[in-house]
Amino acid sequence: SLQRVWPATRIRERAALIASPDIDVVIVTV
């Protein structure tokens, strides 16, 4: 549902985002 608000940002499943080699920092706001 975020895609229409943040179109330039990749939407991922949580585990995929956290494991992704192209992520250096994870911000946790859950």
mmCIF file of all heavy atoms, coordinates in Angstrom:
data_MODEL
# 
_entry.id   MODEL 
# 
loop_
_atom_site.group_PDB 
_atom_site.id 
_atom_site.type_symbol 
_atom_site.label_atom_id 
_atom_site.label_alt_id 
_atom_site.label_comp_id 
_atom_site.label_asym_id 
_atom_site.label_entity_id 
_atom_site.label_seq_id 
_atom_site.pdbx_PDB_ins_code 
_atom_site.Cartn_x 
_atom_site.Cartn_y 
_atom_site.Cartn_z 
_atom_site.occupancy 
_atom_site.B_iso_or_equiv 
_atom_site.pdbx_formal_charge 
_atom_site.auth_seq_id 
_atom_site.auth_comp_id 
_atom_site.auth_asym_id 
_atom_site.auth_atom_id 
_atom_site.pdbx_PDB_model_num 
ATOM 1   N N   . SER A 1 1  ? 0.828  -1.210  0.000  1.00 0.00 ? 1  SER A N   1 
ATOM 2   C CA  . SER A 1 1  ? 0.000  0.000   0.000  1.00 0.00 ? 1  SER A CA  1 
ATOM 3   C C   . SER A 1 1  ? 0.861  1.258   0.000  1.00 0.00 ? 1  SER A C   1 
ATOM 4   O O   . SER A 1 1  ? 0.390  2.340   -0.306 1.00 0.00 ? 1  SER A O   1 
ATOM 5   C CB  . SER A 1 1  ? -0.941 0.009   1.207  1.00 0.00 ? 1  SER A CB  1 
ATOM 6   O OG  . SER A 1 1  ? -0.203 0.212   2.404  1.00 0.00 ? 1  SER A OG  1 
ATOM 7   N N   . LEU A 1 2  ? 2.139  1.105   0.324  1.00 0.00 ? 2  LEU A N   1 
ATOM 8   C CA  . LEU A 1 2  ? 3.058  2.240   0.347  1.00 0.00 ? 2  LEU A CA  1 
ATOM 9   C C   . LEU A 1 2  ? 3.514  2.659   -1.044 1.00 0.00 ? 2  LEU A C   1 
ATOM 10  O O   . LEU A 1 2  ? 4.009  3.761   -1.224 1.00 0.00 ? 2  LEU A O   1 
ATOM 11  C CB  . LEU A 1 2  ? 4.296  1.887   1.180  1.00 0.00 ? 2  LEU A CB  1 
ATOM 12  C CG  . LEU A 1 2  ? 4.064  1.551   2.636  1.00 0.00 ? 2  LEU A CG  1 
ATOM 13  C CD1 . LEU A 1 2  ? 5.342  0.995   3.248  1.00 0.00 ? 2  LEU A CD1 1 
ATOM 14  C CD2 . LEU A 1 2  ? 3.585  2.758   3.397  1.00 0.00 ? 2  LEU A CD2 1 
ATOM 15  N N   . GLN A 1 3  ? 3.372  1.781   -2.021 1.00 0.00 ? 3  GLN A N   1 
ATOM 16  C CA  . GLN A 1 3  ? 3.935  2.040   -3.350 1.00 0.00 ? 3  GLN A CA  1 
ATOM 17  C C   . GLN A 1 3  ? 3.411  3.332   -3.971 1.00 0.00 ? 3  GLN A C   1 
ATOM 18  O O   . GLN A 1 3  ? 4.157  4.059   -4.597 1.00 0.00 ? 3  GLN A O   1 
ATOM 19  C CB  . GLN A 1 3  ? 3.657  0.866   -4.289 1.00 0.00 ? 3  GLN A CB  1 
ATOM 20  C CG  . GLN A 1 3  ? 4.478  0.913   -5.559 1.00 0.00 ? 3  GLN A CG  1 
ATOM 21  C CD  . GLN A 1 3  ? 5.983  0.807   -5.293 1.00 0.00 ? 3  GLN A CD  1 
ATOM 22  O OE1 . GLN A 1 3  ? 6.440  -0.169  -4.744 1.00 0.00 ? 3  GLN A OE1 1 
ATOM 23  N NE2 . GLN A 1 3  ? 6.735  1.816   -5.669 1.00 0.00 ? 3  GLN A NE2 1 
ATOM 24  N N   . ARG A 1 4  ? 2.158  3.639   -3.753 1.00 0.00 ? 4  ARG A N   1 
ATOM 25  C CA  . ARG A 1 4  ? 1.612  4.869   -4.357 1.00 0.00 ? 4  ARG A CA  1 
ATOM 26  C C   . ARG A 1 4  ? 2.124  6.126   -3.641 1.00 0.00 ? 4  ARG A C   1 
ATOM 27  O O   . ARG A 1 4  ? 2.165  7.194   -4.213 1.00 0.00 ? 4  ARG A O   1 
ATOM 28  C CB  . ARG A 1 4  ? 0.095  4.818   -4.388 1.00 0.00 ? 4  ARG A CB  1 
ATOM 29  C CG  . ARG A 1 4  ? -0.580 4.850   -3.057 1.00 0.00 ? 4  ARG A CG  1 
ATOM 30  C CD  . ARG A 1 4  ? -2.113 4.735   -3.172 1.00 0.00 ? 4  ARG A CD  1 
ATOM 31  N NE  . ARG A 1 4  ? -2.739 4.730   -1.886 1.00 0.00 ? 4  ARG A NE  1 
ATOM 32  C CZ  . ARG A 1 4  ? -2.818 3.684   -1.083 1.00 0.00 ? 4  ARG A CZ  1 
ATOM 33  N NH1 . ARG A 1 4  ? -2.302 2.541   -1.436 1.00 0.00 ? 4  ARG A NH1 1 
ATOM 34  N NH2 . ARG A 1 4  ? -3.410 3.783   0.086  1.00 0.00 ? 4  ARG A NH2 1 
ATOM 35  N N   . VAL A 1 5  ? 2.519  5.988   -2.360 1.00 0.00 ? 5  VAL A N   1 
ATOM 36  C CA  . VAL A 1 5  ? 3.009  7.134   -1.593 1.00 0.00 ? 5  VAL A CA  1 
ATOM 37  C C   . VAL A 1 5  ? 4.522  7.289   -1.737 1.00 0.00 ? 5  VAL A C   1 
ATOM 38  O O   . VAL A 1 5  ? 5.041  8.392   -1.820 1.00 0.00 ? 5  VAL A O   1 
ATOM 39  C CB  . VAL A 1 5  ? 2.627  6.972   -0.105 1.00 0.00 ? 5  VAL A CB  1 
ATOM 40  C CG1 . VAL A 1 5  ? 3.149  8.144   0.711  1.00 0.00 ? 5  VAL A CG1 1 
ATOM 41  C CG2 . VAL A 1 5  ? 1.125  6.838   0.040  1.00 0.00 ? 5  VAL A CG2 1 
ATOM 42  N N   . TRP A 1 6  ? 5.246  6.169   -1.787 1.00 0.00 ? 6  TRP A N   1 
ATOM 43  C CA  . TRP A 1 6  ? 6.698  6.173   -1.877 1.00 0.00 ? 6  TRP A CA  1 
ATOM 44  C C   . TRP A 1 6  ? 7.113  5.403   -3.133 1.00 0.00 ? 6  TRP A C   1 
ATOM 45  O O   . TRP A 1 6  ? 7.740  4.351   -3.045 1.00 0.00 ? 6  TRP A O   1 
ATOM 46  C CB  . TRP A 1 6  ? 7.329  5.520   -0.642 1.00 0.00 ? 6  TRP A CB  1 
ATOM 47  C CG  . TRP A 1 6  ? 6.774  6.013   0.648  1.00 0.00 ? 6  TRP A CG  1 
ATOM 48  C CD1 . TRP A 1 6  ? 5.906  5.361   1.470  1.00 0.00 ? 6  TRP A CD1 1 
ATOM 49  C CD2 . TRP A 1 6  ? 7.012  7.269   1.267  1.00 0.00 ? 6  TRP A CD2 1 
ATOM 50  N NE1 . TRP A 1 6  ? 5.610  6.126   2.557  1.00 0.00 ? 6  TRP A NE1 1 
ATOM 51  C CE2 . TRP A 1 6  ? 6.268  7.304   2.465  1.00 0.00 ? 6  TRP A CE2 1 
ATOM 52  C CE3 . TRP A 1 6  ? 7.796  8.370   0.928  1.00 0.00 ? 6  TRP A CE3 1 
ATOM 53  C CZ2 . TRP A 1 6  ? 6.281  8.404   3.319  1.00 0.00 ? 6  TRP A CZ2 1 
ATOM 54  C CZ3 . TRP A 1 6  ? 7.795  9.453   1.782  1.00 0.00 ? 6  TRP A CZ3 1 
ATOM 55  C CH2 . TRP A 1 6  ? 7.053  9.469   2.956  1.00 0.00 ? 6  TRP A CH2 1 
ATOM 56  N N   . PRO A 1 7  ? 6.789  5.896   -4.313 1.00 0.00 ? 7  PRO A N   1 
ATOM 57  C CA  . PRO A 1 7  ? 6.998  5.121   -5.545 1.00 0.00 ? 7  PRO A CA  1 
ATOM 58  C C   . PRO A 1 7  ? 8.453  4.792   -5.865 1.00 0.00 ? 7  PRO A C   1 
ATOM 59  O O   . PRO A 1 7  ? 8.730  3.799   -6.525 1.00 0.00 ? 7  PRO A O   1 
ATOM 60  C CB  . PRO A 1 7  ? 6.385  6.001   -6.629 1.00 0.00 ? 7  PRO A CB  1 
ATOM 61  C CG  . PRO A 1 7  ? 6.354  7.371   -6.057 1.00 0.00 ? 7  PRO A CG  1 
ATOM 62  C CD  . PRO A 1 7  ? 6.226  7.207   -4.573 1.00 0.00 ? 7  PRO A CD  1 
ATOM 63  N N   . ALA A 1 8  ? 9.395  5.571   -5.395 1.00 0.00 ? 8  ALA A N   1 
ATOM 64  C CA  . ALA A 1 8  ? 10.805 5.316   -5.738 1.00 0.00 ? 8  ALA A CA  1 
ATOM 65  C C   . ALA A 1 8  ? 11.469 4.333   -4.781 1.00 0.00 ? 8  ALA A C   1 
ATOM 66  O O   . ALA A 1 8  ? 12.615 3.971   -4.954 1.00 0.00 ? 8  ALA A O   1 
ATOM 67  C CB  . ALA A 1 8  ? 11.577 6.630   -5.745 1.00 0.00 ? 8  ALA A CB  1 
ATOM 68  N N   . THR A 1 9  ? 10.733 3.910   -3.776 1.00 0.00 ? 9  THR A N   1 
ATOM 69  C CA  . THR A 1 9  ? 11.296 3.032   -2.754 1.00 0.00 ? 9  THR A CA  1 
ATOM 70  C C   . THR A 1 9  ? 10.862 1.597   -2.995 1.00 0.00 ? 9  THR A C   1 
ATOM 71  O O   . THR A 1 9  ? 9.706  1.344   -3.289 1.00 0.00 ? 9  THR A O   1 
ATOM 72  C CB  . THR A 1 9  ? 10.820 3.502   -1.361 1.00 0.00 ? 9  THR A CB  1 
ATOM 73  O OG1 . THR A 1 9  ? 11.172 4.867   -1.205 1.00 0.00 ? 9  THR A OG1 1 
ATOM 74  C CG2 . THR A 1 9  ? 11.452 2.696   -0.262 1.00 0.00 ? 9  THR A CG2 1 
ATOM 75  N N   . ARG A 1 10 ? 11.785 0.677   -2.851 1.00 0.00 ? 10 ARG A N   1 
ATOM 76  C CA  . ARG A 1 10 ? 11.464 -0.737  -3.049 1.00 0.00 ? 10 ARG A CA  1 
ATOM 77  C C   . ARG A 1 10 ? 10.672 -1.270  -1.867 1.00 0.00 ? 10 ARG A C   1 
ATOM 78  O O   . ARG A 1 10 ? 11.053 -1.107  -0.724 1.00 0.00 ? 10 ARG A O   1 
ATOM 79  C CB  . ARG A 1 10 ? 12.746 -1.544  -3.229 1.00 0.00 ? 10 ARG A CB  1 
ATOM 80  C CG  . ARG A 1 10 ? 13.323 -1.328  -4.633 1.00 0.00 ? 10 ARG A CG  1 
ATOM 81  C CD  . ARG A 1 10 ? 14.678 -1.949  -4.729 1.00 0.00 ? 10 ARG A CD  1 
ATOM 82  N NE  . ARG A 1 10 ? 15.594 -0.799  -4.695 1.00 0.00 ? 10 ARG A NE  1 
ATOM 83  C CZ  . ARG A 1 10 ? 16.852 -0.834  -4.398 1.00 0.00 ? 10 ARG A CZ  1 
ATOM 84  N NH1 . ARG A 1 10 ? 17.420 -1.952  -4.094 1.00 0.00 ? 10 ARG A NH1 1 
ATOM 85  N NH2 . ARG A 1 10 ? 17.580 0.251   -4.402 1.00 0.00 ? 10 ARG A NH2 1 
ATOM 86  N N   . ILE A 1 11 ? 9.565  -1.928  -2.173 1.00 0.00 ? 11 ILE A N   1 
ATOM 87  C CA  . ILE A 1 11 ? 8.713  -2.534  -1.156 1.00 0.00 ? 11 ILE A CA  1 
ATOM 88  C C   . ILE A 1 11 ? 9.114  -3.998  -1.053 1.00 0.00 ? 11 ILE A C   1 
ATOM 89  O O   . ILE A 1 11 ? 9.214  -4.690  -2.056 1.00 0.00 ? 11 ILE A O   1 
ATOM 90  C CB  . ILE A 1 11 ? 7.221  -2.418  -1.549 1.00 0.00 ? 11 ILE A CB  1 
ATOM 91  C CG1 . ILE A 1 11 ? 6.845  -0.977  -1.922 1.00 0.00 ? 11 ILE A CG1 1 
ATOM 92  C CG2 . ILE A 1 11 ? 6.333  -2.976  -0.447 1.00 0.00 ? 11 ILE A CG2 1 
ATOM 93  C CD1 . ILE A 1 11 ? 7.074  0.054   -0.863 1.00 0.00 ? 11 ILE A CD1 1 
ATOM 94  N N   . ARG A 1 12 ? 9.314  -4.460  0.170  1.00 0.00 ? 12 ARG A N   1 
ATOM 95  C CA  . ARG A 1 12 ? 9.769  -5.837  0.348  1.00 0.00 ? 12 ARG A CA  1 
ATOM 96  C C   . ARG A 1 12 ? 9.087  -6.487  1.538  1.00 0.00 ? 12 ARG A C   1 
ATOM 97  O O   . ARG A 1 12 ? 8.549  -5.803  2.401  1.00 0.00 ? 12 ARG A O   1 
ATOM 98  C CB  . ARG A 1 12 ? 11.277 -5.857  0.609  1.00 0.00 ? 12 ARG A CB  1 
ATOM 99  C CG  . ARG A 1 12 ? 12.055 -5.199  -0.484 1.00 0.00 ? 12 ARG A CG  1 
ATOM 100 C CD  . ARG A 1 12 ? 13.503 -5.291  -0.190 1.00 0.00 ? 12 ARG A CD  1 
ATOM 101 N NE  . ARG A 1 12 ? 14.217 -4.470  -1.160 1.00 0.00 ? 12 ARG A NE  1 
ATOM 102 C CZ  . ARG A 1 12 ? 15.449 -4.098  -1.011 1.00 0.00 ? 12 ARG A CZ  1 
ATOM 103 N NH1 . ARG A 1 12 ? 16.132 -4.459  0.034  1.00 0.00 ? 12 ARG A NH1 1 
ATOM 104 N NH2 . ARG A 1 12 ? 16.035 -3.367  -1.925 1.00 0.00 ? 12 ARG A NH2 1 
ATOM 105 N N   . GLU A 1 13 ? 9.177  -7.803  1.572  1.00 0.00 ? 13 GLU A N   1 
ATOM 106 C CA  . GLU A 1 13 ? 8.795  -8.504  2.786  1.00 0.00 ? 13 GLU A CA  1 
ATOM 107 C C   . GLU A 1 13 ? 9.844  -8.169  3.837  1.00 0.00 ? 13 GLU A C   1 
ATOM 108 O O   . GLU A 1 13 ? 11.007 -7.915  3.510  1.00 0.00 ? 13 GLU A O   1 
ATOM 109 C CB  . GLU A 1 13 ? 8.744  -10.007 2.553  1.00 0.00 ? 13 GLU A CB  1 
ATOM 110 C CG  . GLU A 1 13 ? 7.593  -10.420 1.663  1.00 0.00 ? 13 GLU A CG  1 
ATOM 111 C CD  . GLU A 1 13 ? 7.529  -11.920 1.489  1.00 0.00 ? 13 GLU A CD  1 
ATOM 112 O OE1 . GLU A 1 13 ? 8.569  -12.534 1.195  1.00 0.00 ? 13 GLU A OE1 1 
ATOM 113 O OE2 . GLU A 1 13 ? 6.426  -12.459 1.649  1.00 0.00 ? 13 GLU A OE2 1 
ATOM 114 N N   . ARG A 1 14 ? 9.436  -8.205  5.078  1.00 0.00 ? 14 ARG A N   1 
ATOM 115 C CA  . ARG A 1 14 ? 10.333 -7.794  6.160  1.00 0.00 ? 14 ARG A CA  1 
ATOM 116 C C   . ARG A 1 14 ? 11.643 -8.590  6.157  1.00 0.00 ? 14 ARG A C   1 
ATOM 117 O O   . ARG A 1 14 ? 12.725 -8.009  6.227  1.00 0.00 ? 14 ARG A O   1 
ATOM 118 C CB  . ARG A 1 14 ? 9.607  -7.938  7.491  1.00 0.00 ? 14 ARG A CB  1 
ATOM 119 C CG  . ARG A 1 14 ? 10.422 -7.476  8.634  1.00 0.00 ? 14 ARG A CG  1 
ATOM 120 C CD  . ARG A 1 14 ? 9.657  -7.317  9.910  1.00 0.00 ? 14 ARG A CD  1 
ATOM 121 N NE  . ARG A 1 14 ? 8.688  -8.355  10.157 1.00 0.00 ? 14 ARG A NE  1 
ATOM 122 C CZ  . ARG A 1 14 ? 7.809  -8.326  11.138 1.00 0.00 ? 14 ARG A CZ  1 
ATOM 123 N NH1 . ARG A 1 14 ? 7.775  -7.311  11.948 1.00 0.00 ? 14 ARG A NH1 1 
ATOM 124 N NH2 . ARG A 1 14 ? 6.959  -9.291  11.323 1.00 0.00 ? 14 ARG A NH2 1 
ATOM 125 N N   . ALA A 1 15 ? 11.566 -9.892  6.071  1.00 0.00 ? 15 ALA A N   1 
ATOM 126 C CA  . ALA A 1 15 ? 12.779 -10.718 6.113  1.00 0.00 ? 15 ALA A CA  1 
ATOM 127 C C   . ALA A 1 15 ? 13.693 -10.413 4.928  1.00 0.00 ? 15 ALA A C   1 
ATOM 128 O O   . ALA A 1 15 ? 14.913 -10.364 5.071  1.00 0.00 ? 15 ALA A O   1 
ATOM 129 C CB  . ALA A 1 15 ? 12.411 -12.201 6.133  1.00 0.00 ? 15 ALA A CB  1 
ATOM 130 N N   . ALA A 1 16 ? 13.106 -10.176 3.758  1.00 0.00 ? 16 ALA A N   1 
ATOM 131 C CA  . ALA A 1 16 ? 13.902 -9.869  2.566  1.00 0.00 ? 16 ALA A CA  1 
ATOM 132 C C   . ALA A 1 16 ? 14.600 -8.520  2.709  1.00 0.00 ? 16 ALA A C   1 
ATOM 133 O O   . ALA A 1 16 ? 15.758 -8.363  2.312  1.00 0.00 ? 16 ALA A O   1 
ATOM 134 C CB  . ALA A 1 16 ? 13.035 -9.898  1.323  1.00 0.00 ? 16 ALA A CB  1 
ATOM 135 N N   . LEU A 1 17 ? 13.911 -7.544  3.256  1.00 0.00 ? 17 LEU A N   1 
ATOM 136 C CA  . LEU A 1 17 ? 14.526 -6.226  3.451  1.00 0.00 ? 17 LEU A CA  1 
ATOM 137 C C   . LEU A 1 17 ? 15.706 -6.337  4.417  1.00 0.00 ? 17 LEU A C   1 
ATOM 138 O O   . LEU A 1 17 ? 16.794 -5.838  4.146  1.00 0.00 ? 17 LEU A O   1 
ATOM 139 C CB  . LEU A 1 17 ? 13.508 -5.232  4.005  1.00 0.00 ? 17 LEU A CB  1 
ATOM 140 C CG  . LEU A 1 17 ? 14.095 -3.853  4.299  1.00 0.00 ? 17 LEU A CG  1 
ATOM 141 C CD1 . LEU A 1 17 ? 13.314 -2.776  3.583  1.00 0.00 ? 17 LEU A CD1 1 
ATOM 142 C CD2 . LEU A 1 17 ? 14.172 -3.571  5.770  1.00 0.00 ? 17 LEU A CD2 1 
ATOM 143 N N   . ILE A 1 18 ? 15.482 -7.011  5.531  1.00 0.00 ? 18 ILE A N   1 
ATOM 144 C CA  . ILE A 1 18 ? 16.520 -7.100  6.554  1.00 0.00 ? 18 ILE A CA  1 
ATOM 145 C C   . ILE A 1 18 ? 17.738 -7.862  6.043  1.00 0.00 ? 18 ILE A C   1 
ATOM 146 O O   . ILE A 1 18 ? 18.875 -7.510  6.347  1.00 0.00 ? 18 ILE A O   1 
ATOM 147 C CB  . ILE A 1 18 ? 15.944 -7.735  7.835  1.00 0.00 ? 18 ILE A CB  1 
ATOM 148 C CG1 . ILE A 1 18 ? 14.936 -6.763  8.467  1.00 0.00 ? 18 ILE A CG1 1 
ATOM 149 C CG2 . ILE A 1 18 ? 17.040 -8.100  8.815  1.00 0.00 ? 18 ILE A CG2 1 
ATOM 150 C CD1 . ILE A 1 18 ? 14.126 -7.352  9.600  1.00 0.00 ? 18 ILE A CD1 1 
ATOM 151 N N   . ALA A 1 19 ? 17.524 -8.889  5.234  1.00 0.00 ? 19 ALA A N   1 
ATOM 152 C CA  . ALA A 1 19 ? 18.639 -9.703  4.732  1.00 0.00 ? 19 ALA A CA  1 
ATOM 153 C C   . ALA A 1 19 ? 19.310 -9.108  3.499  1.00 0.00 ? 19 ALA A C   1 
ATOM 154 O O   . ALA A 1 19 ? 20.383 -9.546  3.104  1.00 0.00 ? 19 ALA A O   1 
ATOM 155 C CB  . ALA A 1 19 ? 18.136 -11.109 4.403  1.00 0.00 ? 19 ALA A CB  1 
ATOM 156 N N   . SER A 1 20 ? 18.711 -8.104  2.898  1.00 0.00 ? 20 SER A N   1 
ATOM 157 C CA  . SER A 1 20 ? 19.197 -7.559  1.645  1.00 0.00 ? 20 SER A CA  1 
ATOM 158 C C   . SER A 1 20 ? 20.609 -6.986  1.761  1.00 0.00 ? 20 SER A C   1 
ATOM 159 O O   . SER A 1 20 ? 20.895 -6.195  2.669  1.00 0.00 ? 20 SER A O   1 
ATOM 160 C CB  . SER A 1 20 ? 18.257 -6.464  1.148  1.00 0.00 ? 20 SER A CB  1 
ATOM 161 O OG  . SER A 1 20 ? 18.793 -5.852  0.004  1.00 0.00 ? 20 SER A OG  1 
ATOM 162 N N   . PRO A 1 21 ? 21.485 -7.325  0.827  1.00 0.00 ? 21 PRO A N   1 
ATOM 163 C CA  . PRO A 1 21 ? 22.841 -6.764  0.859  1.00 0.00 ? 21 PRO A CA  1 
ATOM 164 C C   . PRO A 1 21 ? 22.887 -5.269  0.518  1.00 0.00 ? 21 PRO A C   1 
ATOM 165 O O   . PRO A 1 21 ? 23.903 -4.624  0.753  1.00 0.00 ? 21 PRO A O   1 
ATOM 166 C CB  . PRO A 1 21 ? 23.591 -7.588  -0.187 1.00 0.00 ? 21 PRO A CB  1 
ATOM 167 C CG  . PRO A 1 21 ? 22.548 -8.136  -1.080 1.00 0.00 ? 21 PRO A CG  1 
ATOM 168 C CD  . PRO A 1 21 ? 21.307 -8.289  -0.256 1.00 0.00 ? 21 PRO A CD  1 
ATOM 169 N N   . ASP A 1 22 ? 21.791 -4.714  -0.007 1.00 0.00 ? 22 ASP A N   1 
ATOM 170 C CA  . ASP A 1 22 ? 21.810 -3.285  -0.325 1.00 0.00 ? 22 ASP A CA  1 
ATOM 171 C C   . ASP A 1 22 ? 21.201 -2.426  0.786  1.00 0.00 ? 22 ASP A C   1 
ATOM 172 O O   . ASP A 1 22 ? 20.876 -1.265  0.573  1.00 0.00 ? 22 ASP A O   1 
ATOM 173 C CB  . ASP A 1 22 ? 21.135 -3.014  -1.681 1.00 0.00 ? 22 ASP A CB  1 
ATOM 174 C CG  . ASP A 1 22 ? 19.648 -3.290  -1.685 1.00 0.00 ? 22 ASP A CG  1 
ATOM 175 O OD1 . ASP A 1 22 ? 19.179 -4.048  -0.812 1.00 0.00 ? 22 ASP A OD1 1 
ATOM 176 O OD2 . ASP A 1 22 ? 18.944 -2.760  -2.567 1.00 0.00 ? 22 ASP A OD2 1 
ATOM 177 N N   . ILE A 1 23 ? 21.085 -2.977  1.980  1.00 0.00 ? 23 ILE A N   1 
ATOM 178 C CA  . ILE A 1 23 ? 20.626 -2.226  3.147  1.00 0.00 ? 23 ILE A CA  1 
ATOM 179 C C   . ILE A 1 23 ? 21.762 -2.201  4.170  1.00 0.00 ? 23 ILE A C   1 
ATOM 180 O O   . ILE A 1 23 ? 22.312 -3.238  4.531  1.00 0.00 ? 23 ILE A O   1 
ATOM 181 C CB  . ILE A 1 23 ? 19.372 -2.878  3.786  1.00 0.00 ? 23 ILE A CB  1 
ATOM 182 C CG1 . ILE A 1 23 ? 18.187 -2.909  2.823  1.00 0.00 ? 23 ILE A CG1 1 
ATOM 183 C CG2 . ILE A 1 23 ? 19.001 -2.173  5.098  1.00 0.00 ? 23 ILE A CG2 1 
ATOM 184 C CD1 . ILE A 1 23 ? 17.561 -1.565  2.540  1.00 0.00 ? 23 ILE A CD1 1 
ATOM 185 N N   . ASP A 1 24 ? 22.130 -0.999  4.624  1.00 0.00 ? 24 ASP A N   1 
ATOM 186 C CA  . ASP A 1 24 ? 23.164 -0.839  5.651  1.00 0.00 ? 24 ASP A CA  1 
ATOM 187 C C   . ASP A 1 24 ? 22.568 -0.638  7.034  1.00 0.00 ? 24 ASP A C   1 
ATOM 188 O O   . ASP A 1 24 ? 23.123 -1.094  8.031  1.00 0.00 ? 24 ASP A O   1 
ATOM 189 C CB  . ASP A 1 24 ? 24.041 0.387   5.342  1.00 0.00 ? 24 ASP A CB  1 
ATOM 190 C CG  . ASP A 1 24 ? 24.691 0.312   3.986  1.00 0.00 ? 24 ASP A CG  1 
ATOM 191 O OD1 . ASP A 1 24 ? 25.294 -0.727  3.670  1.00 0.00 ? 24 ASP A OD1 1 
ATOM 192 O OD2 . ASP A 1 24 ? 24.593 1.314   3.232  1.00 0.00 ? 24 ASP A OD2 1 
ATOM 193 N N   . VAL A 1 25 ? 21.451 0.099   7.085  1.00 0.00 ? 25 VAL A N   1 
ATOM 194 C CA  . VAL A 1 25 ? 20.833 0.479   8.353  1.00 0.00 ? 25 VAL A CA  1 
ATOM 195 C C   . VAL A 1 25 ? 19.359 0.119   8.303  1.00 0.00 ? 25 VAL A C   1 
ATOM 196 O O   . VAL A 1 25 ? 18.670 0.424   7.315  1.00 0.00 ? 25 VAL A O   1 
ATOM 197 C CB  . VAL A 1 25 ? 20.961 2.009   8.601  1.00 0.00 ? 25 VAL A CB  1 
ATOM 198 C CG1 . VAL A 1 25 ? 20.304 2.403   9.913  1.00 0.00 ? 25 VAL A CG1 1 
ATOM 199 C CG2 . VAL A 1 25 ? 22.402 2.458   8.544  1.00 0.00 ? 25 VAL A CG2 1 
ATOM 200 N N   . VAL A 1 26 ? 18.864 -0.502  9.366  1.00 0.00 ? 26 VAL A N   1 
ATOM 201 C CA  . VAL A 1 26 ? 17.440 -0.804  9.489  1.00 0.00 ? 26 VAL A CA  1 
ATOM 202 C C   . VAL A 1 26 ? 16.865 0.103   10.568 1.00 0.00 ? 26 VAL A C   1 
ATOM 203 O O   . VAL A 1 26 ? 17.330 0.103   11.710 1.00 0.00 ? 26 VAL A O   1 
ATOM 204 C CB  . VAL A 1 26 ? 17.202 -2.284  9.859  1.00 0.00 ? 26 VAL A CB  1 
ATOM 205 C CG1 . VAL A 1 26 ? 15.718 -2.548  10.087 1.00 0.00 ? 26 VAL A CG1 1 
ATOM 206 C CG2 . VAL A 1 26 ? 17.753 -3.204  8.776  1.00 0.00 ? 26 VAL A CG2 1 
ATOM 207 N N   . ILE A 1 27 ? 15.852 0.880   10.181 1.00 0.00 ? 27 ILE A N   1 
ATOM 208 C CA  . ILE A 1 27 ? 15.127 1.711   11.143 1.00 0.00 ? 27 ILE A CA  1 
ATOM 209 C C   . ILE A 1 27 ? 13.885 0.929   11.548 1.00 0.00 ? 27 ILE A C   1 
ATOM 210 O O   . ILE A 1 27 ? 13.114 0.490   10.693 1.00 0.00 ? 27 ILE A O   1 
ATOM 211 C CB  . ILE A 1 27 ? 14.729 3.074   10.532 1.00 0.00 ? 27 ILE A CB  1 
ATOM 212 C CG1 . ILE A 1 27 ? 15.980 3.889   10.220 1.00 0.00 ? 27 ILE A CG1 1 
ATOM 213 C CG2 . ILE A 1 27 ? 13.807 3.837   11.487 1.00 0.00 ? 27 ILE A CG2 1 
ATOM 214 C CD1 . ILE A 1 27 ? 15.695 5.220   9.544  1.00 0.00 ? 27 ILE A CD1 1 
ATOM 215 N N   . VAL A 1 28 ? 13.696 0.767   12.850 1.00 0.00 ? 28 VAL A N   1 
ATOM 216 C CA  . VAL A 1 28 ? 12.594 -0.039  13.382 1.00 0.00 ? 28 VAL A CA  1 
ATOM 217 C C   . VAL A 1 28 ? 11.576 0.887   14.033 1.00 0.00 ? 28 VAL A C   1 
ATOM 218 O O   . VAL A 1 28 ? 11.863 1.511   15.058 1.00 0.00 ? 28 VAL A O   1 
ATOM 219 C CB  . VAL A 1 28 ? 13.118 -1.068  14.410 1.00 0.00 ? 28 VAL A CB  1 
ATOM 220 C CG1 . VAL A 1 28 ? 11.977 -1.916  14.959 1.00 0.00 ? 28 VAL A CG1 1 
ATOM 221 C CG2 . VAL A 1 28 ? 14.199 -1.942  13.775 1.00 0.00 ? 28 VAL A CG2 1 
ATOM 222 N N   . THR A 1 29 ? 10.391 0.973   13.421 1.00 0.00 ? 29 THR A N   1 
ATOM 223 C CA  . THR A 1 29 ? 9.338  1.832   13.960 1.00 0.00 ? 29 THR A CA  1 
ATOM 224 C C   . THR A 1 29 ? 8.028  1.076   14.129 1.00 0.00 ? 29 THR A C   1 
ATOM 225 O O   . THR A 1 29 ? 6.967  1.684   14.173 1.00 0.00 ? 29 THR A O   1 
ATOM 226 C CB  . THR A 1 29 ? 9.114  3.074   13.062 1.00 0.00 ? 29 THR A CB  1 
ATOM 227 O OG1 . THR A 1 29 ? 8.673  2.642   11.784 1.00 0.00 ? 29 THR A OG1 1 
ATOM 228 C CG2 . THR A 1 29 ? 10.372 3.908   12.946 1.00 0.00 ? 29 THR A CG2 1 
ATOM 229 N N   . VAL A 1 30 ? 8.106  -0.238  14.225 1.00 0.00 ? 30 VAL A N   1 
ATOM 230 C CA  . VAL A 1 30 ? 6.912  -1.054  14.457 1.00 0.00 ? 30 VAL A CA  1 
ATOM 231 C C   . VAL A 1 30 ? 6.538  -0.991  15.933 1.00 0.00 ? 30 VAL A C   1 
ATOM 232 O O   . VAL A 1 30 ? 7.282  -0.451  16.754 1.00 0.00 ? 30 VAL A O   1 
ATOM 233 C CB  . VAL A 1 30 ? 7.154  -2.526  14.025 1.00 0.00 ? 30 VAL A CB  1 
ATOM 234 C CG1 . VAL A 1 30 ? 7.343  -2.628  12.527 1.00 0.00 ? 30 VAL A CG1 1 
ATOM 235 C CG2 . VAL A 1 30 ? 8.339  -3.118  14.769 1.00 0.00 ? 30 VAL A CG2 1 
# 
